[in-house]
Amino acid sequence: MPISTEVQRVRRRPRTTEPRTAQKSVRLTPSALAAIRERAAHERLTTSGFIANAALAAALADGPVGRPDADPRRPLAEALDRLAGELRALTDTVPEPARAQEALALLPGLAERTYAALDAVLEAA
């Protein structure tokens, strides 16, 4: 029985000639799942449909599949996270009068390292 063109336009994704009967379970981090769900919603797909489409597209691609942990900017982002943690630790000690001068003396060096890391991020982008 042919499907009307109106129904085909409303569908979220085109149907394949081969039914999707095989299943594979994957583990994701909560942040990865949140990013995938957001993108799937943007594409008007279910999360599993989006993952299946993305995996097939990656498998059929000519080049190597990118890995998030292989991103050359990742070490820079991690360095910025560490610097932010240091800054938070320094500012937490400021209310203690005995440590305030010590903490304030460390801020210029921390600021220089932050600017150097930001320059590296901008150069890599």
Protein backbone atom coordinates (compact mmCIF):
# COMPACT_ATOMS: atom_id res chain seq x y z
CA MET A 1 0.00 0.00 0.00
CA PRO A 2 1.70 3.27 -1.07
CA ILE A 3 2.14 6.02 1.47
CA SER A 4 0.77 9.43 0.53
CA THR A 5 3.24 12.23 -0.10
CA GLU A 6 1.60 14.22 2.69
CA VAL A 7 2.38 11.50 5.21
CA GLN A 8 5.94 11.21 3.88
CA ARG A 9 6.50 14.95 4.41
CA VAL A 10 5.42 14.75 8.06
CA ARG A 11 7.75 11.88 8.95
CA ARG A 12 10.82 12.67 10.99
CA ARG A 13 13.24 10.66 8.88
CA PRO A 14 13.02 8.81 5.61
CA ARG A 15 12.35 5.10 5.92
CA THR A 16 15.06 2.72 4.84
CA THR A 17 14.36 -0.22 2.60
CA GLU A 18 15.95 -2.48 5.19
CA PRO A 19 14.18 -2.64 8.57
CA ARG A 20 16.19 -1.69 11.66
CA THR A 21 15.98 -4.90 13.69
CA ALA A 22 19.52 -5.17 15.14
CA GLN A 23 20.16 -3.60 18.53
CA LYS A 24 23.34 -2.37 20.19
CA SER A 25 23.65 -0.94 23.67
CA VAL A 26 26.10 1.90 24.34
CA ARG A 27 27.18 3.71 27.49
CA LEU A 28 27.34 7.50 27.52
CA THR A 29 28.38 10.11 30.04
CA PRO A 30 25.53 12.28 31.32
CA SER A 31 26.98 15.32 29.52
CA ALA A 32 27.36 13.40 26.24
CA LEU A 33 23.78 12.14 26.48
CA ALA A 34 22.52 15.66 27.17
CA ALA A 35 24.34 17.01 24.11
CA ILE A 36 23.02 14.17 21.95
CA ARG A 37 19.45 14.65 23.19
CA GLU A 38 19.64 18.38 22.50
CA ARG A 39 20.90 17.86 18.96
CA ALA A 40 18.38 15.07 18.32
CA ALA A 41 15.53 17.36 19.42
CA HIS A 42 16.87 20.08 17.14
CA GLU A 43 16.86 17.60 14.24
CA ARG A 44 13.37 16.41 15.26
CA LEU A 45 14.63 12.86 15.83
CA THR A 46 14.46 10.46 18.73
CA THR A 47 17.70 10.05 20.63
CA SER A 48 18.16 6.50 19.37
CA GLY A 49 17.31 7.50 15.79
CA PHE A 50 19.83 10.31 15.94
CA ILE A 51 22.53 8.00 17.33
CA ALA A 52 21.80 5.39 14.63
CA ASN A 53 21.96 8.00 11.85
CA ALA A 54 25.16 9.56 13.21
CA ALA A 55 26.86 6.19 13.65
CA LEU A 56 25.96 5.12 10.12
CA ALA A 57 27.15 8.46 8.70
CA ALA A 58 30.46 8.06 10.55
CA ALA A 59 30.84 4.48 9.35
CA LEU A 60 30.24 5.51 5.74
CA ALA A 61 32.55 8.55 5.90
CA ASP A 62 35.85 8.46 4.03
CA GLY A 63 38.05 10.05 6.69
CA PRO A 64 38.88 9.00 10.23
CA VAL A 65 36.16 9.33 12.85
CA GLY A 66 36.89 12.16 15.27
CA ARG A 67 37.06 11.44 18.96
CA PRO A 68 36.15 14.15 21.48
CA ASP A 69 39.15 13.26 23.63
CA ALA A 70 41.45 13.59 20.59
CA ASP A 71 40.46 17.24 20.04
CA PRO A 72 43.70 19.25 19.97
CA ARG A 73 42.00 22.01 21.98
CA ARG A 74 41.07 19.67 24.84
CA PRO A 75 44.33 20.11 26.82
CA LEU A 76 43.88 23.87 26.57
CA ALA A 77 40.32 23.68 27.88
CA GLU A 78 41.51 21.46 30.73
CA ALA A 79 44.28 23.95 31.53
CA LEU A 80 41.71 26.74 31.71
CA ASP A 81 39.59 24.60 34.04
CA ARG A 82 42.60 24.07 36.31
CA LEU A 83 43.36 27.80 36.30
CA ALA A 84 39.75 28.58 37.17
CA GLY A 85 40.01 26.14 40.08
CA GLU A 86 43.18 27.83 41.29
CA LEU A 87 41.52 31.23 41.07
CA ARG A 88 38.52 29.94 43.03
CA ALA A 89 40.85 28.54 45.71
CA LEU A 90 42.72 31.84 45.93
CA THR A 91 39.61 33.94 46.25
CA ASP A 92 38.24 31.58 48.92
CA THR A 93 41.23 32.41 51.15
CA VAL A 94 40.94 36.22 50.79
CA PRO A 95 38.50 36.66 53.71
CA GLU A 96 41.20 35.25 56.01
CA PRO A 97 43.32 38.36 56.78
CA ALA A 98 46.47 36.34 57.43
CA ARG A 99 46.34 34.72 53.97
CA ALA A 100 44.96 37.68 52.01
CA GLN A 101 48.36 39.16 51.11
CA GLU A 102 49.71 35.74 50.11
CA ALA A 103 46.70 35.06 47.88
CA LEU A 104 46.79 38.51 46.30
CA ALA A 105 50.51 38.11 45.52
CA LEU A 106 49.74 34.96 43.49
CA LEU A 107 47.03 36.57 41.35
CA PRO A 108 49.31 38.29 38.78
CA GLY A 109 51.06 35.02 37.93
CA LEU A 110 47.74 33.25 37.65
CA ALA A 111 46.43 35.99 35.37
CA GLU A 112 49.48 35.68 33.09
CA ARG A 113 49.03 31.90 32.82
CA THR A 114 45.33 32.41 32.07
CA TYR A 115 46.09 34.86 29.26
CA ALA A 116 48.72 32.49 27.82
CA ALA A 117 46.20 29.62 27.83
CA LEU A 118 43.57 31.84 26.19
CA ASP A 119 46.07 32.88 23.51
CA ALA A 120 46.80 29.21 22.83
CA VAL A 121 43.06 28.48 22.51
CA LEU A 122 42.63 31.34 20.06
CA GLU A 123 45.61 30.19 17.98
CA ALA A 124 44.26 26.61 17.85
CA ALA A 125 40.80 27.74 16.77
